[in-house]
N, C-alpha and C. Protein backbone atom coordinates (compact mmCIF):
# COMPACT_ATOMS: atom_id res chain seq x y z
N UNK A 1 62.55 -67.13 144.59
CA UNK A 1 62.44 -65.88 145.27
C UNK A 1 63.80 -65.17 145.20
N UNK A 2 63.80 -63.93 144.76
CA UNK A 2 65.05 -63.19 144.60
C UNK A 2 65.54 -62.70 145.95
N UNK A 3 66.85 -62.74 146.13
CA UNK A 3 67.45 -62.25 147.37
C UNK A 3 67.92 -60.83 147.15
N UNK A 4 67.69 -60.00 148.14
CA UNK A 4 68.15 -58.62 148.06
C UNK A 4 69.52 -58.57 148.72
N UNK A 5 70.53 -58.19 147.95
CA UNK A 5 71.89 -58.17 148.50
C UNK A 5 72.30 -56.78 148.94
N UNK A 6 71.78 -55.75 148.31
CA UNK A 6 72.13 -54.39 148.69
C UNK A 6 70.90 -53.70 149.26
N UNK A 7 71.12 -52.87 150.29
CA UNK A 7 69.97 -52.14 150.83
C UNK A 7 69.50 -51.09 149.82
N UNK A 8 68.21 -50.84 149.82
CA UNK A 8 67.64 -49.84 148.93
C UNK A 8 67.93 -48.44 149.42
N UNK A 9 67.44 -47.48 148.67
CA UNK A 9 67.67 -46.07 148.96
C UNK A 9 67.12 -45.70 150.35
N UNK A 10 65.90 -46.13 150.63
CA UNK A 10 65.27 -45.79 151.91
C UNK A 10 66.04 -46.41 153.07
N UNK A 11 66.44 -47.66 152.92
CA UNK A 11 67.18 -48.32 154.00
C UNK A 11 68.50 -47.61 154.27
N UNK A 12 69.18 -47.14 153.22
CA UNK A 12 70.45 -46.42 153.42
C UNK A 12 70.23 -45.12 154.18
N UNK A 13 69.16 -44.39 153.85
CA UNK A 13 68.89 -43.12 154.54
C UNK A 13 68.53 -43.37 156.00
N UNK A 14 67.66 -44.34 156.24
CA UNK A 14 67.25 -44.62 157.62
C UNK A 14 68.45 -45.09 158.44
N UNK A 15 69.25 -45.98 157.89
CA UNK A 15 70.42 -46.48 158.60
C UNK A 15 71.38 -45.34 158.92
N UNK A 16 71.61 -44.47 157.94
CA UNK A 16 72.52 -43.34 158.16
C UNK A 16 71.97 -42.42 159.24
N UNK A 17 70.65 -42.12 159.20
CA UNK A 17 70.06 -41.23 160.19
C UNK A 17 70.12 -41.84 161.59
N UNK A 18 69.87 -43.13 161.69
CA UNK A 18 69.93 -43.79 162.99
C UNK A 18 71.36 -43.81 163.52
N UNK A 19 72.32 -44.13 162.65
CA UNK A 19 73.71 -44.16 163.07
C UNK A 19 74.21 -42.78 163.48
N UNK A 20 73.71 -41.73 162.83
CA UNK A 20 74.10 -40.37 163.18
C UNK A 20 73.60 -39.96 164.56
N UNK A 21 72.49 -40.56 165.03
CA UNK A 21 71.88 -40.16 166.30
C UNK A 21 72.37 -40.97 167.50
N UNK A 22 73.04 -42.07 167.26
CA UNK A 22 73.48 -42.92 168.36
C UNK A 22 74.47 -42.16 169.24
N UNK A 23 74.19 -42.13 170.54
CA UNK A 23 75.09 -41.49 171.49
C UNK A 23 74.97 -39.98 171.55
N UNK A 24 74.07 -39.39 170.80
CA UNK A 24 73.90 -37.95 170.81
C UNK A 24 72.62 -37.59 171.56
N UNK A 25 72.62 -36.46 172.23
CA UNK A 25 71.41 -36.05 172.94
C UNK A 25 70.30 -35.66 171.95
N UNK A 26 69.06 -35.72 172.44
CA UNK A 26 67.93 -35.31 171.61
C UNK A 26 68.01 -33.82 171.33
N UNK A 27 67.48 -33.42 170.20
CA UNK A 27 67.46 -32.00 169.87
C UNK A 27 66.53 -31.27 170.82
N UNK A 28 66.70 -29.95 170.90
CA UNK A 28 65.86 -29.16 171.79
C UNK A 28 64.40 -29.24 171.34
N UNK A 29 64.18 -29.27 170.04
CA UNK A 29 62.81 -29.37 169.52
C UNK A 29 62.17 -30.69 169.95
N UNK A 30 62.93 -31.78 169.86
CA UNK A 30 62.40 -33.09 170.25
C UNK A 30 62.12 -33.14 171.75
N UNK A 31 62.95 -32.48 172.54
CA UNK A 31 62.74 -32.48 174.00
C UNK A 31 61.55 -31.64 174.41
N UNK A 32 61.28 -30.57 173.69
CA UNK A 32 60.25 -29.62 174.12
C UNK A 32 58.92 -29.79 173.40
N UNK A 33 58.87 -30.65 172.40
CA UNK A 33 57.62 -30.83 171.65
C UNK A 33 56.57 -31.47 172.54
N UNK A 34 55.41 -30.87 172.54
CA UNK A 34 54.31 -31.41 173.33
C UNK A 34 53.69 -32.59 172.58
N UNK A 35 53.54 -33.70 173.26
CA UNK A 35 52.96 -34.88 172.64
C UNK A 35 51.56 -35.09 173.22
N UNK A 36 50.56 -34.79 172.41
CA UNK A 36 49.18 -34.92 172.85
C UNK A 36 48.30 -35.13 171.62
N UNK A 37 47.05 -35.45 171.88
CA UNK A 37 46.11 -35.62 170.78
C UNK A 37 45.99 -34.32 169.99
N UNK A 38 45.99 -33.21 170.70
CA UNK A 38 45.85 -31.93 170.03
C UNK A 38 46.99 -31.68 169.05
N UNK A 39 48.23 -32.04 169.43
CA UNK A 39 49.35 -31.82 168.52
C UNK A 39 49.28 -32.78 167.34
N UNK A 40 48.79 -34.01 167.56
CA UNK A 40 48.60 -34.93 166.44
C UNK A 40 47.61 -34.33 165.44
N UNK A 41 46.49 -33.82 165.98
CA UNK A 41 45.47 -33.26 165.10
C UNK A 41 45.98 -32.02 164.37
N UNK A 42 46.72 -31.19 165.09
CA UNK A 42 47.27 -29.99 164.46
C UNK A 42 48.26 -30.38 163.36
N UNK A 43 48.94 -31.49 163.54
CA UNK A 43 49.89 -31.96 162.54
C UNK A 43 49.24 -32.70 161.40
N UNK A 44 47.93 -32.91 161.46
CA UNK A 44 47.23 -33.57 160.38
C UNK A 44 47.24 -35.09 160.47
N UNK A 45 47.72 -35.65 161.57
CA UNK A 45 47.77 -37.10 161.73
C UNK A 45 46.78 -37.48 162.83
N UNK A 46 45.79 -38.27 162.45
CA UNK A 46 44.83 -38.71 163.47
C UNK A 46 45.38 -39.94 164.17
N UNK A 47 45.20 -40.01 165.48
CA UNK A 47 45.62 -41.23 166.19
C UNK A 47 44.83 -42.43 165.71
N UNK A 48 45.41 -43.61 165.88
CA UNK A 48 44.78 -44.85 165.39
C UNK A 48 43.41 -45.08 166.02
N UNK A 49 43.27 -44.76 167.31
CA UNK A 49 41.98 -44.99 167.96
C UNK A 49 40.89 -44.16 167.31
N UNK A 50 41.23 -42.97 166.84
CA UNK A 50 40.25 -42.10 166.21
C UNK A 50 39.86 -42.64 164.83
N UNK A 51 40.84 -43.08 164.05
CA UNK A 51 40.56 -43.67 162.74
C UNK A 51 39.69 -44.92 162.89
N UNK A 52 40.05 -45.75 163.88
CA UNK A 52 39.30 -47.00 164.09
C UNK A 52 37.87 -46.70 164.49
N UNK A 53 37.67 -45.72 165.35
CA UNK A 53 36.32 -45.38 165.80
C UNK A 53 35.47 -44.85 164.64
N UNK A 54 36.06 -44.06 163.76
CA UNK A 54 35.35 -43.58 162.57
C UNK A 54 34.96 -44.77 161.70
N UNK A 55 35.88 -45.73 161.52
CA UNK A 55 35.60 -46.92 160.72
C UNK A 55 34.49 -47.76 161.34
N UNK A 56 34.50 -47.89 162.66
CA UNK A 56 33.47 -48.68 163.35
C UNK A 56 32.10 -48.05 163.15
N UNK A 57 32.01 -46.74 163.35
CA UNK A 57 30.72 -46.06 163.21
C UNK A 57 30.23 -46.11 161.76
N UNK A 58 31.14 -45.97 160.80
CA UNK A 58 30.77 -46.08 159.39
C UNK A 58 30.29 -47.50 159.07
N UNK A 59 30.89 -48.49 159.69
CA UNK A 59 30.48 -49.88 159.49
C UNK A 59 29.07 -50.14 159.99
N UNK A 60 28.72 -49.54 161.13
CA UNK A 60 27.35 -49.68 161.64
C UNK A 60 26.35 -49.07 160.65
N UNK A 61 26.68 -47.91 160.13
CA UNK A 61 25.76 -47.25 159.19
C UNK A 61 25.62 -48.05 157.90
N UNK A 62 26.74 -48.58 157.40
CA UNK A 62 26.71 -49.41 156.19
C UNK A 62 25.85 -50.65 156.41
N UNK A 63 26.04 -51.31 157.55
CA UNK A 63 25.29 -52.52 157.86
C UNK A 63 23.80 -52.21 157.99
N UNK A 64 23.47 -51.09 158.62
CA UNK A 64 22.06 -50.72 158.78
C UNK A 64 21.41 -50.46 157.42
N UNK A 65 22.13 -49.80 156.51
CA UNK A 65 21.58 -49.57 155.17
C UNK A 65 21.35 -50.89 154.44
N UNK A 66 22.35 -51.78 154.49
CA UNK A 66 22.23 -53.08 153.81
C UNK A 66 21.06 -53.87 154.36
N UNK A 67 21.01 -53.95 155.69
CA UNK A 67 19.96 -54.75 156.32
C UNK A 67 18.59 -54.14 156.10
N UNK A 68 18.49 -52.83 156.10
CA UNK A 68 17.21 -52.17 155.85
C UNK A 68 16.69 -52.47 154.46
N UNK A 69 17.59 -52.38 153.47
CA UNK A 69 17.17 -52.69 152.09
C UNK A 69 16.76 -54.15 151.97
N UNK A 70 17.54 -55.03 152.58
CA UNK A 70 17.24 -56.46 152.51
C UNK A 70 15.92 -56.78 153.20
N UNK A 71 15.68 -56.15 154.33
CA UNK A 71 14.45 -56.38 155.07
C UNK A 71 13.24 -55.92 154.27
N UNK A 72 13.35 -54.74 153.66
CA UNK A 72 12.23 -54.23 152.85
C UNK A 72 11.95 -55.15 151.66
N UNK A 73 12.99 -55.64 151.01
CA UNK A 73 12.81 -56.53 149.86
C UNK A 73 12.17 -57.84 150.28
N UNK A 74 12.62 -58.40 151.42
CA UNK A 74 12.02 -59.66 151.89
C UNK A 74 10.56 -59.47 152.29
N UNK A 75 10.28 -58.38 152.95
CA UNK A 75 8.91 -58.12 153.40
C UNK A 75 7.97 -57.98 152.20
N UNK A 76 8.44 -57.33 151.14
CA UNK A 76 7.61 -57.15 149.95
C UNK A 76 7.39 -58.47 149.21
N UNK A 77 8.36 -59.37 149.29
CA UNK A 77 8.31 -60.62 148.54
C UNK A 77 7.56 -61.73 149.28
N UNK A 78 7.65 -61.75 150.62
CA UNK A 78 7.09 -62.86 151.41
C UNK A 78 5.91 -62.40 152.25
N UNK A 79 5.13 -63.36 152.71
CA UNK A 79 4.05 -63.08 153.65
C UNK A 79 4.61 -62.83 155.04
N UNK A 80 3.74 -62.45 155.97
CA UNK A 80 4.17 -62.06 157.31
C UNK A 80 4.88 -63.19 158.05
N UNK A 81 4.30 -64.40 158.03
CA UNK A 81 4.92 -65.52 158.76
C UNK A 81 6.22 -65.96 158.11
N UNK A 82 6.20 -66.08 156.79
CA UNK A 82 7.41 -66.48 156.08
C UNK A 82 8.50 -65.43 156.23
N UNK A 83 8.09 -64.15 156.22
CA UNK A 83 9.07 -63.08 156.40
C UNK A 83 9.74 -63.17 157.77
N UNK A 84 8.95 -63.34 158.83
CA UNK A 84 9.51 -63.38 160.19
C UNK A 84 10.52 -64.50 160.33
N UNK A 85 10.19 -65.68 159.82
CA UNK A 85 11.11 -66.82 159.92
C UNK A 85 12.38 -66.56 159.10
N UNK A 86 12.19 -66.06 157.89
CA UNK A 86 13.37 -65.80 157.03
C UNK A 86 14.23 -64.68 157.61
N UNK A 87 13.60 -63.64 158.19
CA UNK A 87 14.38 -62.52 158.74
C UNK A 87 15.20 -62.97 159.95
N UNK A 88 14.65 -63.87 160.75
CA UNK A 88 15.42 -64.40 161.89
C UNK A 88 16.62 -65.20 161.39
N UNK A 89 16.45 -65.90 160.29
CA UNK A 89 17.57 -66.65 159.70
C UNK A 89 18.64 -65.68 159.17
N UNK A 90 18.20 -64.59 158.55
CA UNK A 90 19.15 -63.57 158.08
C UNK A 90 19.91 -62.98 159.27
N UNK A 91 19.19 -62.69 160.34
CA UNK A 91 19.82 -62.12 161.54
C UNK A 91 20.84 -63.09 162.15
N UNK A 92 20.53 -64.38 162.10
CA UNK A 92 21.46 -65.38 162.65
C UNK A 92 22.75 -65.45 161.85
N UNK A 93 22.70 -65.07 160.57
CA UNK A 93 23.90 -65.07 159.72
C UNK A 93 24.75 -63.82 159.88
N UNK A 94 24.28 -62.85 160.63
CA UNK A 94 24.96 -61.55 160.74
C UNK A 94 26.42 -61.65 161.21
N UNK A 95 26.75 -62.47 162.21
CA UNK A 95 28.16 -62.52 162.63
C UNK A 95 29.11 -62.94 161.51
N UNK A 96 28.65 -63.83 160.64
CA UNK A 96 29.51 -64.24 159.53
C UNK A 96 29.56 -63.16 158.45
N UNK A 97 28.43 -62.54 158.18
CA UNK A 97 28.37 -61.50 157.13
C UNK A 97 29.19 -60.27 157.51
N UNK A 98 29.23 -59.95 158.78
CA UNK A 98 29.89 -58.73 159.23
C UNK A 98 31.12 -59.07 160.08
N UNK A 99 31.79 -60.16 159.74
CA UNK A 99 32.95 -60.61 160.53
C UNK A 99 34.08 -59.58 160.52
N UNK A 100 34.31 -58.94 159.40
CA UNK A 100 35.38 -57.94 159.32
C UNK A 100 35.08 -56.76 160.24
N UNK A 101 33.83 -56.31 160.22
CA UNK A 101 33.44 -55.21 161.11
C UNK A 101 33.54 -55.64 162.57
N UNK A 102 33.09 -56.84 162.87
CA UNK A 102 33.14 -57.32 164.25
C UNK A 102 34.58 -57.44 164.75
N UNK A 103 35.51 -57.78 163.88
CA UNK A 103 36.92 -57.83 164.25
C UNK A 103 37.42 -56.43 164.59
N UNK A 104 37.00 -55.44 163.83
CA UNK A 104 37.36 -54.05 164.10
C UNK A 104 36.78 -53.60 165.43
N UNK A 105 35.55 -54.01 165.72
CA UNK A 105 34.92 -53.69 167.00
C UNK A 105 35.71 -54.33 168.15
N UNK A 106 36.14 -55.57 167.97
CA UNK A 106 36.92 -56.25 169.02
C UNK A 106 38.25 -55.52 169.25
N UNK A 107 38.89 -55.07 168.18
CA UNK A 107 40.13 -54.30 168.32
C UNK A 107 39.86 -53.00 169.06
N UNK A 108 38.78 -52.33 168.71
CA UNK A 108 38.43 -51.08 169.39
C UNK A 108 38.22 -51.33 170.88
N UNK A 109 37.43 -52.34 171.22
CA UNK A 109 37.13 -52.62 172.62
C UNK A 109 38.39 -52.98 173.41
N UNK A 110 39.34 -53.64 172.75
CA UNK A 110 40.56 -54.04 173.44
C UNK A 110 41.54 -52.89 173.60
N UNK A 111 41.68 -52.05 172.59
CA UNK A 111 42.75 -51.06 172.59
C UNK A 111 42.33 -49.64 172.94
N UNK A 112 41.09 -49.27 172.77
CA UNK A 112 40.66 -47.89 172.98
C UNK A 112 41.02 -47.36 174.37
N UNK A 113 40.69 -48.07 175.45
CA UNK A 113 41.00 -47.50 176.76
C UNK A 113 42.50 -47.33 177.00
N UNK A 114 43.30 -48.19 176.40
CA UNK A 114 44.75 -48.10 176.56
C UNK A 114 45.29 -46.93 175.75
N UNK A 115 44.85 -46.84 174.49
CA UNK A 115 45.33 -45.76 173.62
C UNK A 115 44.88 -44.39 174.11
N UNK A 116 43.72 -44.30 174.71
CA UNK A 116 43.22 -43.03 175.24
C UNK A 116 43.66 -42.78 176.66
N UNK A 117 44.29 -43.78 177.28
CA UNK A 117 44.74 -43.68 178.67
C UNK A 117 43.58 -43.30 179.59
N UNK A 118 42.46 -44.05 179.43
CA UNK A 118 41.27 -43.78 180.22
C UNK A 118 41.52 -44.11 181.69
N UNK A 119 41.02 -43.29 182.59
CA UNK A 119 41.16 -43.60 184.02
C UNK A 119 40.20 -44.70 184.44
N UNK A 120 40.56 -45.38 185.51
CA UNK A 120 39.72 -46.44 186.05
C UNK A 120 38.83 -45.87 187.15
N UNK A 121 37.65 -46.41 187.27
CA UNK A 121 36.74 -46.07 188.36
C UNK A 121 36.96 -47.12 189.44
N UNK A 122 37.50 -46.73 190.60
CA UNK A 122 37.80 -47.74 191.64
C UNK A 122 36.56 -48.47 192.15
N UNK A 123 35.40 -47.81 192.12
CA UNK A 123 34.18 -48.46 192.60
C UNK A 123 33.76 -49.61 191.70
N UNK A 124 33.75 -49.38 190.38
CA UNK A 124 33.29 -50.39 189.44
C UNK A 124 34.43 -51.27 188.93
N UNK A 125 35.66 -50.85 189.15
CA UNK A 125 36.86 -51.52 188.64
C UNK A 125 36.79 -51.66 187.12
N UNK A 126 36.26 -50.63 186.48
CA UNK A 126 36.18 -50.56 185.03
C UNK A 126 36.59 -49.16 184.61
N UNK A 127 36.79 -48.97 183.34
CA UNK A 127 37.15 -47.65 182.84
C UNK A 127 35.96 -46.71 182.99
N UNK A 128 36.24 -45.43 183.14
CA UNK A 128 35.19 -44.44 183.32
C UNK A 128 34.35 -44.32 182.05
N UNK A 129 33.13 -43.84 182.23
CA UNK A 129 32.24 -43.62 181.09
C UNK A 129 32.69 -42.37 180.34
N UNK A 130 32.44 -42.36 179.05
CA UNK A 130 32.75 -41.20 178.22
C UNK A 130 31.43 -40.57 177.82
N UNK A 131 31.18 -39.36 178.32
CA UNK A 131 29.92 -38.65 178.10
C UNK A 131 28.74 -39.54 178.49
N UNK A 132 28.88 -40.22 179.62
CA UNK A 132 27.81 -41.06 180.15
C UNK A 132 27.61 -42.38 179.44
N UNK A 133 28.54 -42.75 178.57
CA UNK A 133 28.39 -43.97 177.77
C UNK A 133 29.69 -44.78 177.82
N UNK A 134 29.55 -46.09 177.79
CA UNK A 134 30.73 -46.95 177.76
C UNK A 134 31.47 -46.78 176.45
N UNK A 135 32.77 -46.93 176.47
CA UNK A 135 33.57 -46.85 175.24
C UNK A 135 33.35 -48.08 174.36
N UNK A 136 32.84 -49.17 174.96
CA UNK A 136 32.69 -50.42 174.22
C UNK A 136 31.62 -50.32 173.14
N UNK A 137 31.87 -50.96 172.03
CA UNK A 137 30.90 -51.05 170.95
C UNK A 137 30.51 -52.52 170.83
N UNK A 138 29.26 -52.74 170.45
CA UNK A 138 28.79 -54.13 170.36
C UNK A 138 28.96 -54.66 168.94
N UNK A 139 29.25 -55.95 168.83
CA UNK A 139 29.38 -56.54 167.49
C UNK A 139 28.01 -56.65 166.82
N UNK A 140 28.04 -56.77 165.52
CA UNK A 140 26.79 -56.96 164.78
C UNK A 140 26.48 -58.46 164.81
N UNK A 141 25.48 -58.80 165.60
CA UNK A 141 25.05 -60.19 165.71
C UNK A 141 23.53 -60.23 165.58
N UNK A 142 22.94 -61.39 165.82
CA UNK A 142 21.49 -61.54 165.65
C UNK A 142 20.73 -60.57 166.56
N UNK A 143 21.17 -60.41 167.80
CA UNK A 143 20.48 -59.50 168.73
C UNK A 143 20.54 -58.07 168.22
N UNK A 144 21.70 -57.66 167.70
CA UNK A 144 21.86 -56.30 167.17
C UNK A 144 20.89 -56.07 166.00
N UNK A 145 20.82 -57.05 165.09
CA UNK A 145 19.96 -56.92 163.91
C UNK A 145 18.50 -56.87 164.33
N UNK A 146 18.07 -57.79 165.19
CA UNK A 146 16.66 -57.87 165.56
C UNK A 146 16.23 -56.69 166.44
N UNK A 147 17.14 -56.11 167.17
CA UNK A 147 16.82 -54.93 167.97
C UNK A 147 16.51 -53.74 167.07
N UNK A 148 17.27 -53.58 166.01
CA UNK A 148 17.09 -52.44 165.11
C UNK A 148 16.08 -52.71 164.01
N UNK A 149 15.96 -53.97 163.61
CA UNK A 149 15.04 -54.37 162.54
C UNK A 149 14.24 -55.58 163.01
N UNK A 150 13.19 -55.36 163.80
CA UNK A 150 12.42 -56.49 164.33
C UNK A 150 11.78 -57.34 163.23
N UNK A 151 11.57 -58.60 163.56
CA UNK A 151 11.00 -59.54 162.60
C UNK A 151 9.47 -59.40 162.50
N UNK A 152 8.86 -58.74 163.44
CA UNK A 152 7.39 -58.61 163.45
C UNK A 152 6.97 -57.48 162.53
């Protein structure tokens, strides 16, 4: 493994910029800039919670398309009883098949209320609902698959 003895171009610039700012007050622009979701969006940078939520919703749609095609193919190939048993087995494999998506869902559920600074409801001791719905998303598991694509 090669050792880097000299800092690269980027490291020199960052080090110089950081050293130039030590002990100096913030610029007027930095002090007065409004920091909000709206300013992030106006600047063209989406917050991480927004990117993650888009990815989660796209993952649900992708999974539904895959499972729908697979279900139709199995139904056409097998009889009713054999299909139901095989489809339940496919549904049981869902957590392993969609592990990457489920990890993203877990990250969303853990970080979304913090990143959005959601208020707590003192009565329920949980975060408030967003448009009447919980911020939590459910992982793709056997129950999720069978609810949307029944074996019967």
